[in-house]
Amino acid sequence: MPKVTLVHADWCRLCPAASKLWKSLQSEYEFEYEEVDIDTEKGQELAGKHSIMGVPTTIIDDEVIYVGVPEKDEAVSMLS
């Protein structure tokens, strides 16, 4: 089962759309989902580890897959 991590920020205007997308896909597809605020210690660790320069950033199975808000079909293809 893939693990999806969305790195976001409270001040990010695109982040709510990314969050809504991944949460909606949880009802259709099996994957673990976690949201991490970049302004927290864990968020800073992920940003350093993955060289994250912007939010929202989607990490799947410990690999940066997408920066921004993917279209639904793009997100679905990322899960397979």
PDB file of N, CA and C in Angstrom:
ATOM      1  N   MET A   1       0.850  -1.174   0.000  1.00  0.00           N
ATOM      2  CA  MET A   1       0.000   0.000   0.000  1.00  0.00           C
ATOM      3  C   MET A   1       0.899   1.243   0.000  1.00  0.00           C
ATOM      4  N   PRO A   2       0.684   2.150  -0.957  1.00  0.00           N
ATOM      5  CA  PRO A   2       1.517   3.350  -0.996  1.00  0.00           C
ATOM      6  C   PRO A   2       1.261   4.264   0.198  1.00  0.00           C
ATOM      7  N   LYS A   3       2.281   5.025   0.560  1.00  0.00           N
ATOM      8  CA  LYS A   3       2.132   6.037   1.606  1.00  0.00           C
ATOM      9  C   LYS A   3       2.294   7.400   0.954  1.00  0.00           C
ATOM     10  N   VAL A   4       1.248   8.210   1.043  1.00  0.00           N
ATOM     11  CA  VAL A   4       1.242   9.551   0.476  1.00  0.00           C
ATOM     12  C   VAL A   4       1.417  10.551   1.610  1.00  0.00           C
ATOM     13  N   THR A   5       2.396  11.427   1.457  1.00  0.00           N
ATOM     14  CA  THR A   5       2.609  12.507   2.415  1.00  0.00           C
ATOM     15  C   THR A   5       2.464  13.819   1.670  1.00  0.00           C
ATOM     16  N   LEU A   6       1.567  14.667   2.149  1.00  0.00           N
ATOM     17  CA  LEU A   6       1.397  15.999   1.575  1.00  0.00           C
ATOM     18  C   LEU A   6       2.076  16.996   2.496  1.00  0.00           C
ATOM     19  N   VAL A   7       3.096  17.663   1.979  1.00  0.00           N
ATOM     20  CA  VAL A   7       3.771  18.713   2.735  1.00  0.00           C
ATOM     21  C   VAL A   7       3.073  20.017   2.364  1.00  0.00           C
ATOM     22  N   HIS A   8       2.570  20.705   3.373  1.00  0.00           N
ATOM     23  CA  HIS A   8       1.751  21.896   3.140  1.00  0.00           C
ATOM     24  C   HIS A   8       2.139  22.993   4.124  1.00  0.00           C
ATOM     25  N   ALA A   9       1.432  24.128   4.032  1.00  0.00           N
ATOM     26  CA  ALA A   9       1.625  25.230   4.973  1.00  0.00           C
ATOM     27  C   ALA A   9       0.299  25.959   5.149  1.00  0.00           C
ATOM     28  N   ASP A  10       0.100  26.526   6.331  1.00  0.00           N
ATOM     29  CA  ASP A  10      -1.129  27.275   6.603  1.00  0.00           C
ATOM     30  C   ASP A  10      -1.274  28.478   5.676  1.00  0.00           C
ATOM     31  N   TRP A  11      -0.155  29.083   5.294  1.00  0.00           N
ATOM     32  CA  TRP A  11      -0.165  30.290   4.470  1.00  0.00           C
ATOM     33  C   TRP A  11      -0.259  29.996   2.973  1.00  0.00           C
ATOM     34  N   CYS A  12      -0.268  28.735   2.600  1.00  0.00           N
ATOM     35  CA  CYS A  12      -0.286  28.317   1.190  1.00  0.00           C
ATOM     36  C   CYS A  12      -1.716  28.334   0.657  1.00  0.00           C
ATOM     37  N   ARG A  13      -1.957  29.095  -0.401  1.00  0.00           N
ATOM     38  CA  ARG A  13      -3.323  29.179  -0.922  1.00  0.00           C
ATOM     39  C   ARG A  13      -3.725  27.980  -1.784  1.00  0.00           C
ATOM     40  N   LEU A  14      -2.753  27.221  -2.300  1.00  0.00           N
ATOM     41  CA  LEU A  14      -3.066  26.032  -3.105  1.00  0.00           C
ATOM     42  C   LEU A  14      -3.190  24.757  -2.271  1.00  0.00           C
ATOM     43  N   CYS A  15      -2.660  24.794  -1.065  1.00  0.00           N
ATOM     44  CA  CYS A  15      -2.612  23.581  -0.234  1.00  0.00           C
ATOM     45  C   CYS A  15      -3.984  22.988   0.098  1.00  0.00           C
ATOM     46  N   PRO A  16      -5.002  23.802   0.385  1.00  0.00           N
ATOM     47  CA  PRO A  16      -6.308  23.193   0.668  1.00  0.00           C
ATOM     48  C   PRO A  16      -6.843  22.355  -0.498  1.00  0.00           C
ATOM     49  N   ALA A  17      -6.585  22.781  -1.726  1.00  0.00           N
ATOM     50  CA  ALA A  17      -7.048  22.011  -2.888  1.00  0.00           C
ATOM     51  C   ALA A  17      -6.314  20.674  -2.979  1.00  0.00           C
ATOM     52  N   ALA A  18      -5.016  20.681  -2.701  1.00  0.00           N
ATOM     53  CA  ALA A  18      -4.243  19.430  -2.723  1.00  0.00           C
ATOM     54  C   ALA A  18      -4.729  18.486  -1.626  1.00  0.00           C
ATOM     55  N   SER A  19      -4.971  19.032  -0.447  1.00  0.00           N
ATOM     56  CA  SER A  19      -5.461  18.236   0.675  1.00  0.00           C
ATOM     57  C   SER A  19      -6.818  17.616   0.342  1.00  0.00           C
ATOM     58  N   LYS A  20      -7.711  18.426  -0.209  1.00  0.00           N
ATOM     59  CA  LYS A  20      -9.050  17.946  -0.565  1.00  0.00           C
ATOM     60  C   LYS A  20      -8.964  16.821  -1.598  1.00  0.00           C
ATOM     61  N   LEU A  21      -8.077  16.975  -2.584  1.00  0.00           N
ATOM     62  CA  LEU A  21      -7.913  15.950  -3.613  1.00  0.00           C
ATOM     63  C   LEU A  21      -7.483  14.625  -3.004  1.00  0.00           C
ATOM     64  N   TRP A  22      -6.404  14.637  -2.214  1.00  0.00           N
ATOM     65  CA  TRP A  22      -5.897  13.378  -1.651  1.00  0.00           C
ATOM     66  C   TRP A  22      -6.902  12.751  -0.690  1.00  0.00           C
ATOM     67  N   LYS A  23      -7.591  13.569   0.100  1.00  0.00           N
ATOM     68  CA  LYS A  23      -8.597  13.017   1.017  1.00  0.00           C
ATOM     69  C   LYS A  23      -9.754  12.390   0.248  1.00  0.00           C
ATOM     70  N   SER A  24     -10.150  13.005  -0.860  1.00  0.00           N
ATOM     71  CA  SER A  24     -11.257  12.446  -1.647  1.00  0.00           C
ATOM     72  C   SER A  24     -10.857  11.121  -2.298  1.00  0.00           C
ATOM     73  N   LEU A  25      -9.592  10.990  -2.675  1.00  0.00           N
ATOM     74  CA  LEU A  25      -9.133   9.745  -3.301  1.00  0.00           C
ATOM     75  C   LEU A  25      -9.057   8.590  -2.308  1.00  0.00           C
ATOM     76  N   GLN A  26      -8.953   8.908  -1.020  1.00  0.00           N
ATOM     77  CA  GLN A  26      -8.887   7.849  -0.006  1.00  0.00           C
ATOM     78  C   GLN A  26     -10.144   6.995   0.011  1.00  0.00           C
ATOM     79  N   SER A  27     -11.275   7.558  -0.377  1.00  0.00           N
ATOM     80  CA  SER A  27     -12.510   6.771  -0.378  1.00  0.00           C
ATOM     81  C   SER A  27     -12.568   5.807  -1.565  1.00  0.00           C
ATOM     82  N   GLU A  28     -11.727   6.048  -2.594  1.00  0.00           N
ATOM     83  CA  GLU A  28     -11.743   5.206  -3.788  1.00  0.00           C
ATOM     84  C   GLU A  28     -10.536   4.272  -3.901  1.00  0.00           C
ATOM     85  N   TYR A  29      -9.429   4.648  -3.287  1.00  0.00           N
ATOM     86  CA  TYR A  29      -8.175   3.899  -3.440  1.00  0.00           C
ATOM     87  C   TYR A  29      -7.555   3.642  -2.076  1.00  0.00           C
ATOM     88  N   GLU A  30      -6.812   2.543  -1.975  1.00  0.00           N
ATOM     89  CA  GLU A  30      -6.159   2.209  -0.709  1.00  0.00           C
ATOM     90  C   GLU A  30      -4.756   2.787  -0.665  1.00  0.00           C
ATOM     91  N   PHE A  31      -4.538   3.694   0.285  1.00  0.00           N
ATOM     92  CA  PHE A  31      -3.205   4.223   0.538  1.00  0.00           C
ATOM     93  C   PHE A  31      -3.203   4.900   1.900  1.00  0.00           C
ATOM     94  N   GLU A  32      -2.025   4.915   2.510  1.00  0.00           N
ATOM     95  CA  GLU A  32      -1.862   5.647   3.764  1.00  0.00           C
ATOM     96  C   GLU A  32      -1.717   7.116   3.404  1.00  0.00           C
ATOM     97  N   TYR A  33      -2.258   7.992   4.253  1.00  0.00           N
ATOM     98  CA  TYR A  33      -2.195   9.425   3.964  1.00  0.00           C
ATOM     99  C   TYR A  33      -1.791  10.193   5.210  1.00  0.00           C
ATOM    100  N   GLU A  34      -0.897  11.138   5.010  1.00  0.00           N
ATOM    101  CA  GLU A  34      -0.422  11.973   6.106  1.00  0.00           C
ATOM    102  C   GLU A  34      -0.205  13.382   5.572  1.00  0.00           C
ATOM    103  N   GLU A  35      -0.548  14.372   6.379  1.00  0.00           N
ATOM    104  CA  GLU A  35      -0.254  15.761   6.048  1.00  0.00           C
ATOM    105  C   GLU A  35       0.767  16.279   7.045  1.00  0.00           C
ATOM    106  N   VAL A  36       1.780  16.974   6.528  1.00  0.00           N
ATOM    107  CA  VAL A  36       2.830  17.520   7.379  1.00  0.00           C
ATOM    108  C   VAL A  36       3.003  18.995   7.041  1.00  0.00           C
ATOM    109  N   ASP A  37       2.864  19.848   8.046  1.00  0.00           N
ATOM    110  CA  ASP A  37       3.073  21.287   7.872  1.00  0.00           C
ATOM    111  C   ASP A  37       4.567  21.553   7.766  1.00  0.00           C
ATOM    112  N   ILE A  38       4.971  22.256   6.719  1.00  0.00           N
ATOM    113  CA  ILE A  38       6.390  22.521   6.498  1.00  0.00           C
ATOM    114  C   ILE A  38       6.988  23.384   7.609  1.00  0.00           C
ATOM    115  N   ASP A  39       6.142  24.106   8.330  1.00  0.00           N
ATOM    116  CA  ASP A  39       6.618  24.984   9.398  1.00  0.00           C
ATOM    117  C   ASP A  39       6.782  24.267  10.734  1.00  0.00           C
ATOM    118  N   THR A  40       6.694  22.936  10.735  1.00  0.00           N
ATOM    119  CA  THR A  40       6.934  22.153  11.951  1.00  0.00           C
ATOM    120  C   THR A  40       8.308  21.492  11.847  1.00  0.00           C
ATOM    121  N   GLU A  41       8.754  20.919  12.959  1.00  0.00           N
ATOM    122  CA  GLU A  41      10.050  20.236  12.958  1.00  0.00           C
ATOM    123  C   GLU A  41      10.069  19.095  11.937  1.00  0.00           C
ATOM    124  N   LYS A  42       9.005  18.296  11.924  1.00  0.00           N
ATOM    125  CA  LYS A  42       8.930  17.189  10.963  1.00  0.00           C
ATOM    126  C   LYS A  42       8.914  17.716   9.525  1.00  0.00           C
ATOM    127  N   GLY A  43       8.196  18.804   9.312  1.00  0.00           N
ATOM    128  CA  GLY A  43       8.149  19.408   7.981  1.00  0.00           C
ATOM    129  C   GLY A  43       9.509  19.901   7.529  1.00  0.00           C
ATOM    130  N   GLN A  44      10.253  20.505   8.444  1.00  0.00           N
ATOM    131  CA  GLN A  44      11.599  20.981   8.118  1.00  0.00           C
ATOM    132  C   GLN A  44      12.539  19.812   7.817  1.00  0.00           C
ATOM    133  N   GLU A  45      12.371  18.716   8.557  1.00  0.00           N
ATOM    134  CA  GLU A  45      13.182  17.519   8.288  1.00  0.00           C
ATOM    135  C   GLU A  45      12.900  16.983   6.885  1.00  0.00           C
ATOM    136  N   LEU A  46      11.621  16.899   6.524  1.00  0.00           N
ATOM    137  CA  LEU A  46      11.260  16.426   5.183  1.00  0.00           C
ATOM    138  C   LEU A  46      11.770  17.382   4.110  1.00  0.00           C
ATOM    139  N   ALA A  47      11.649  18.686   4.368  1.00  0.00           N
ATOM    140  CA  ALA A  47      12.112  19.683   3.399  1.00  0.00           C
ATOM    141  C   ALA A  47      13.607  19.548   3.152  1.00  0.00           C
ATOM    142  N   GLY A  48      14.367  19.332   4.213  1.00  0.00           N
ATOM    143  CA  GLY A  48      15.806  19.154   4.068  1.00  0.00           C
ATOM    144  C   GLY A  48      16.157  17.859   3.361  1.00  0.00           C
ATOM    145  N   LYS A  49      15.497  16.792   3.762  1.00  0.00           N
ATOM    146  CA  LYS A  49      15.779  15.467   3.189  1.00  0.00           C
ATOM    147  C   LYS A  49      15.471  15.407   1.698  1.00  0.00           C
ATOM    148  N   HIS A  50      14.373  16.066   1.293  1.00  0.00           N
ATOM    149  CA  HIS A  50      13.908  15.971  -0.090  1.00  0.00           C
ATOM    150  C   HIS A  50      14.142  17.248  -0.902  1.00  0.00           C
ATOM    151  N   SER A  51      14.864  18.211  -0.327  1.00  0.00           N
ATOM    152  CA  SER A  51      15.136  19.490  -1.013  1.00  0.00           C
ATOM    153  C   SER A  51      13.848  20.163  -1.485  1.00  0.00           C
ATOM    154  N   ILE A  52      12.849  20.190  -0.618  1.00  0.00           N
ATOM    155  CA  ILE A  52      11.560  20.788  -0.954  1.00  0.00           C
ATOM    156  C   ILE A  52      11.698  22.304  -0.944  1.00  0.00           C
ATOM    157  N   MET A  53      11.320  22.922  -2.056  1.00  0.00           N
ATOM    158  CA  MET A  53      11.433  24.368  -2.204  1.00  0.00           C
ATOM    159  C   MET A  53      10.069  25.059  -2.234  1.00  0.00           C
ATOM    160  N   GLY A  54       8.988  24.293  -2.340  1.00  0.00           N
ATOM    161  CA  GLY A  54       7.665  24.888  -2.410  1.00  0.00           C
ATOM    162  C   GLY A  54       6.606  23.922  -1.920  1.00  0.00           C
ATOM    163  N   VAL A  55       5.453  24.477  -1.597  1.00  0.00           N
ATOM    164  CA  VAL A  55       4.319  23.677  -1.152  1.00  0.00           C
ATOM    165  C   VAL A  55       3.107  24.044  -2.002  1.00  0.00           C
ATOM    166  N   PRO A  56       2.186  23.131  -2.184  1.00  0.00           N
ATOM    167  CA  PRO A  56       2.153  21.764  -1.684  1.00  0.00           C
ATOM    168  C   PRO A  56       3.098  20.840  -2.456  1.00  0.00           C
ATOM    169  N   THR A  57       3.694  19.916  -1.730  1.00  0.00           N
ATOM    170  CA  THR A  57       4.553  18.895  -2.332  1.00  0.00           C
ATOM    171  C   THR A  57       4.030  17.529  -1.918  1.00  0.00           C
ATOM    172  N   THR A  58       3.853  16.660  -2.894  1.00  0.00           N
ATOM    173  CA  THR A  58       3.387  15.302  -2.637  1.00  0.00           C
ATOM    174  C   THR A  58       4.569  14.347  -2.670  1.00  0.00           C
ATOM    175  N   ILE A  59       4.704  13.582  -1.591  1.00  0.00           N
ATOM    176  CA  ILE A  59       5.729  12.552  -1.481  1.00  0.00           C
ATOM    177  C   ILE A  59       5.005  11.211  -1.432  1.00  0.00           C
ATOM    178  N   ILE A  60       5.426  10.284  -2.284  1.00  0.00           N
ATOM    179  CA  ILE A  60       4.849   8.944  -2.249  1.00  0.00           C
ATOM    180  C   ILE A  60       5.982   7.958  -2.024  1.00  0.00           C
ATOM    181  N   ASP A  61       5.823   7.163  -0.975  1.00  0.00           N
ATOM    182  CA  ASP A  61       6.835   6.166  -0.604  1.00  0.00           C
ATOM    183  C   ASP A  61       8.232   6.774  -0.547  1.00  0.00           C
ATOM    184  N   ASP A  62       8.325   7.915   0.135  1.00  0.00           N
ATOM    185  CA  ASP A  62       9.598   8.581   0.416  1.00  0.00           C
ATOM    186  C   ASP A  62      10.281   9.165  -0.828  1.00  0.00           C
ATOM    187  N   GLU A  63       9.500   9.464  -1.862  1.00  0.00           N
ATOM    188  CA  GLU A  63      10.041  10.080  -3.076  1.00  0.00           C
ATOM    189  C   GLU A  63       9.138  11.243  -3.486  1.00  0.00           C
ATOM    190  N   VAL A  64       9.728  12.423  -3.721  1.00  0.00           N
ATOM    191  CA  VAL A  64       8.934  13.563  -4.177  1.00  0.00           C
ATOM    192  C   VAL A  64       8.382  13.223  -5.557  1.00  0.00           C
ATOM    193  N   ILE A  65       7.062  13.313  -5.673  1.00  0.00           N
ATOM    194  CA  ILE A  65       6.384  12.941  -6.907  1.00  0.00           C
ATOM    195  C   ILE A  65       5.814  14.155  -7.627  1.00  0.00           C
ATOM    196  N   TYR A  66       5.349  15.153  -6.863  1.00  0.00           N
ATOM    197  CA  TYR A  66       4.658  16.279  -7.493  1.00  0.00           C
ATOM    198  C   TYR A  66       4.745  17.513  -6.610  1.00  0.00           C
ATOM    199  N   VAL A  67       4.956  18.660  -7.246  1.00  0.00           N
ATOM    200  CA  VAL A  67       4.893  19.947  -6.554  1.00  0.00           C
ATOM    201  C   VAL A  67       3.734  20.709  -7.171  1.00  0.00           C
ATOM    202  N   GLY A  68       2.799  21.140  -6.328  1.00  0.00           N
ATOM    203  CA  GLY A  68       1.594  21.799  -6.812  1.00  0.00           C
ATOM    204  C   GLY A  68       0.392  20.912  -6.554  1.00  0.00           C
ATOM    205  N   VAL A  69      -0.680  21.196  -7.279  1.00  0.00           N
ATOM    206  CA  VAL A  69      -1.914  20.420  -7.127  1.00  0.00           C
ATOM    207  C   VAL A  69      -2.125  19.608  -8.402  1.00  0.00           C
ATOM    208  N   PRO A  70      -1.984  18.293  -8.319  1.00  0.00           N
ATOM    209  CA  PRO A  70      -2.179  17.480  -9.529  1.00  0.00           C
ATOM    210  C   PRO A  70      -3.655  17.388  -9.902  1.00  0.00           C
ATOM    211  N   GLU A  71      -3.905  17.110 -11.174  1.00  0.00           N
ATOM    212  CA  GLU A  71      -5.261  16.781 -11.601  1.00  0.00           C
ATOM    213  C   GLU A  71      -5.585  15.404 -11.021  1.00  0.00           C
ATOM    214  N   LYS A  72      -6.873  15.097 -10.906  1.00  0.00           N
ATOM    215  CA  LYS A  72      -7.273  13.827 -10.296  1.00  0.00           C
ATOM    216  C   LYS A  72      -6.663  12.630 -11.028  1.00  0.00           C
ATOM    217  N   ASP A  73      -6.709  12.627 -12.364  1.00  0.00           N
ATOM    218  CA  ASP A  73      -6.171  11.478 -13.103  1.00  0.00           C
ATOM    219  C   ASP A  73      -4.659  11.344 -12.923  1.00  0.00           C
ATOM    220  N   GLU A  74      -3.958  12.474 -12.781  1.00  0.00           N
ATOM    221  CA  GLU A  74      -2.519  12.422 -12.500  1.00  0.00           C
ATOM    222  C   GLU A  74      -2.270  11.791 -11.133  1.00  0.00           C
ATOM    223  N   ALA A  75      -3.058  12.214 -10.149  1.00  0.00           N
ATOM    224  CA  ALA A  75      -2.898  11.694  -8.789  1.00  0.00           C
ATOM    225  C   ALA A  75      -3.160  10.191  -8.751  1.00  0.00           C
ATOM    226  N   VAL A  76      -4.192   9.754  -9.452  1.00  0.00           N
ATOM    227  CA  VAL A  76      -4.515   8.325  -9.492  1.00  0.00           C
ATOM    228  C   VAL A  76      -3.359   7.540 -10.105  1.00  0.00           C
ATOM    229  N   SER A  77      -2.776   8.055 -11.181  1.00  0.00           N
ATOM    230  CA  SER A  77      -1.665   7.336 -11.818  1.00  0.00           C
ATOM    231  C   SER A  77      -0.438   7.303 -10.916  1.00  0.00           C
ATOM    232  N   MET A  78      -0.280   8.287 -10.045  1.00  0.00           N
ATOM    233  CA  MET A  78       0.839   8.300  -9.100  1.00  0.00           C
ATOM    234  C   MET A  78       0.723   7.168  -8.079  1.00  0.00           C
ATOM    235  N   LEU A  79      -0.486   6.723  -7.819  1.00  0.00           N
ATOM    236  CA  LEU A  79      -0.722   5.688  -6.812  1.00  0.00           C
ATOM    237  C   LEU A  79      -0.403   4.286  -7.318  1.00  0.00           C
ATOM    238  N   SER A  80      -0.298   4.129  -8.634  1.00  0.00           N
ATOM    239  CA  SER A  80      -0.056   2.779  -9.161  1.00  0.00           C
ATOM    240  C   SER A  80       1.378   2.558  -9.577  1.00  0.00           C
TER     241      SER A  80
END
